[in-house]
Amino acid sequence: MKTNPLRTRVTGLSILGISIIGFIIYLYLILATQWDILLIKITIIAAVGAIVSVVAWIGYTMTTTPVEDKE
């Protein structure tokens, strides 16, 4: 299956633009509103949740992967 280079470039630029806009909104909410402490708490909870989920996934993968006997 052949991919269209223009479509790939447009998708990449869209993701880049959305992430920059999201970061600007995040900065505004932290620096210019009264929601700063709540937003920081939510960010920390999300970051810890993501890290713990990756660790859990690694543990699950190690547990369920069949072991090859080398004899």
C-alpha atoms as a PDB file:
ATOM      1  CA  MET A   1       0.000   0.000   0.000  1.00  0.00           C
ATOM      2  CA  LYS A   2       1.469   3.300  -1.093  1.00  0.00           C
ATOM      3  CA  THR A   3       1.137   6.347   1.152  1.00  0.00           C
ATOM      4  CA  ASN A   4       0.558   9.834  -0.164  1.00  0.00           C
ATOM      5  CA  PRO A   5       3.465  12.115   0.906  1.00  0.00           C
ATOM      6  CA  LEU A   6       1.247  15.206   0.847  1.00  0.00           C
ATOM      7  CA  ARG A   7      -1.319  13.585   3.126  1.00  0.00           C
ATOM      8  CA  THR A   8       1.428  12.492   5.524  1.00  0.00           C
ATOM      9  CA  ARG A   9       2.850  16.025   5.599  1.00  0.00           C
ATOM     10  CA  VAL A  10      -0.591  17.581   6.214  1.00  0.00           C
ATOM     11  CA  THR A  11      -1.267  15.104   9.018  1.00  0.00           C
ATOM     12  CA  GLY A  12       2.105  15.877  10.607  1.00  0.00           C
ATOM     13  CA  LEU A  13       1.569  19.642  10.385  1.00  0.00           C
ATOM     14  CA  SER A  14      -1.909  19.241  11.883  1.00  0.00           C
ATOM     15  CA  ILE A  15      -0.565  17.278  14.836  1.00  0.00           C
ATOM     16  CA  LEU A  16       2.207  19.852  15.311  1.00  0.00           C
ATOM     17  CA  GLY A  17      -0.249  22.770  15.192  1.00  0.00           C
ATOM     18  CA  ILE A  18      -2.721  21.143  17.592  1.00  0.00           C
ATOM     19  CA  SER A  19       0.049  20.358  20.086  1.00  0.00           C
ATOM     20  CA  ILE A  20       1.364  23.938  19.999  1.00  0.00           C
ATOM     21  CA  ILE A  21      -2.146  25.369  20.448  1.00  0.00           C
ATOM     22  CA  GLY A  22      -2.789  22.915  23.291  1.00  0.00           C
ATOM     23  CA  PHE A  23       0.413  23.964  25.033  1.00  0.00           C
ATOM     24  CA  ILE A  24      -0.464  27.652  24.695  1.00  0.00           C
ATOM     25  CA  ILE A  25      -3.911  27.005  26.199  1.00  0.00           C
ATOM     26  CA  TYR A  26      -2.288  25.017  29.021  1.00  0.00           C
ATOM     27  CA  LEU A  27       0.142  27.870  29.750  1.00  0.00           C
ATOM     28  CA  TYR A  28      -2.706  30.384  29.763  1.00  0.00           C
ATOM     29  CA  LEU A  29      -4.731  28.280  32.189  1.00  0.00           C
ATOM     30  CA  ILE A  30      -1.777  27.864  34.545  1.00  0.00           C
ATOM     31  CA  LEU A  31      -0.445  31.427  34.421  1.00  0.00           C
ATOM     32  CA  ALA A  32      -3.525  33.610  33.957  1.00  0.00           C
ATOM     33  CA  THR A  33      -6.481  31.943  35.684  1.00  0.00           C
ATOM     34  CA  GLN A  34      -7.462  30.751  39.124  1.00  0.00           C
ATOM     35  CA  TRP A  35      -7.392  27.117  37.920  1.00  0.00           C
ATOM     36  CA  ASP A  36      -3.602  26.838  38.300  1.00  0.00           C
ATOM     37  CA  ILE A  37      -3.408  24.534  41.353  1.00  0.00           C
ATOM     38  CA  LEU A  38      -6.203  22.255  40.118  1.00  0.00           C
ATOM     39  CA  LEU A  39      -4.605  22.013  36.675  1.00  0.00           C
ATOM     40  CA  ILE A  40      -1.222  21.154  38.169  1.00  0.00           C
ATOM     41  CA  LYS A  41      -2.831  18.440  40.310  1.00  0.00           C
ATOM     42  CA  ILE A  42      -4.634  16.980  37.291  1.00  0.00           C
ATOM     43  CA  THR A  43      -1.394  17.059  35.275  1.00  0.00           C
ATOM     44  CA  ILE A  44       0.518  15.212  37.991  1.00  0.00           C
ATOM     45  CA  ILE A  45      -2.242  12.597  38.315  1.00  0.00           C
ATOM     46  CA  ALA A  46      -2.230  12.050  34.530  1.00  0.00           C
ATOM     47  CA  ALA A  47       1.582  11.791  34.392  1.00  0.00           C
ATOM     48  CA  VAL A  48       1.754   9.312  37.284  1.00  0.00           C
ATOM     49  CA  GLY A  49      -1.123   7.332  35.763  1.00  0.00           C
ATOM     50  CA  ALA A  50       0.682   7.130  32.421  1.00  0.00           C
ATOM     51  CA  ILE A  51       3.940   5.962  34.035  1.00  0.00           C
ATOM     52  CA  VAL A  52       2.181   3.354  36.178  1.00  0.00           C
ATOM     53  CA  SER A  53       0.234   2.123  33.148  1.00  0.00           C
ATOM     54  CA  VAL A  54       3.456   1.597  31.177  1.00  0.00           C
ATOM     55  CA  VAL A  55       5.009  -0.290  34.092  1.00  0.00           C
ATOM     56  CA  ALA A  56       1.858  -2.432  34.415  1.00  0.00           C
ATOM     57  CA  TRP A  57       1.909  -3.146  30.673  1.00  0.00           C
ATOM     58  CA  ILE A  58       5.551  -4.243  30.870  1.00  0.00           C
ATOM     59  CA  GLY A  59       4.716  -6.543  33.795  1.00  0.00           C
ATOM     60  CA  TYR A  60       1.718  -7.997  31.968  1.00  0.00           C
ATOM     61  CA  THR A  61       3.776  -8.586  28.836  1.00  0.00           C
ATOM     62  CA  MET A  62       6.536 -10.313  30.801  1.00  0.00           C
ATOM     63  CA  THR A  63       3.969 -12.476  32.587  1.00  0.00           C
ATOM     64  CA  THR A  64       2.060 -13.593  29.482  1.00  0.00           C
ATOM     65  CA  THR A  65       4.973 -14.090  27.072  1.00  0.00           C
ATOM     66  CA  PRO A  66       5.762 -17.774  26.570  1.00  0.00           C
ATOM     67  CA  VAL A  67       9.239 -18.807  27.663  1.00  0.00           C
ATOM     68  CA  GLU A  68      11.334 -20.832  25.232  1.00  0.00           C
ATOM     69  CA  ASP A  69      13.282 -23.708  26.730  1.00  0.00           C
ATOM     70  CA  LYS A  70      16.857 -23.785  25.449  1.00  0.00           C
ATOM     71  CA  GLU A  71      18.116 -27.329  25.718  1.00  0.00           C
END
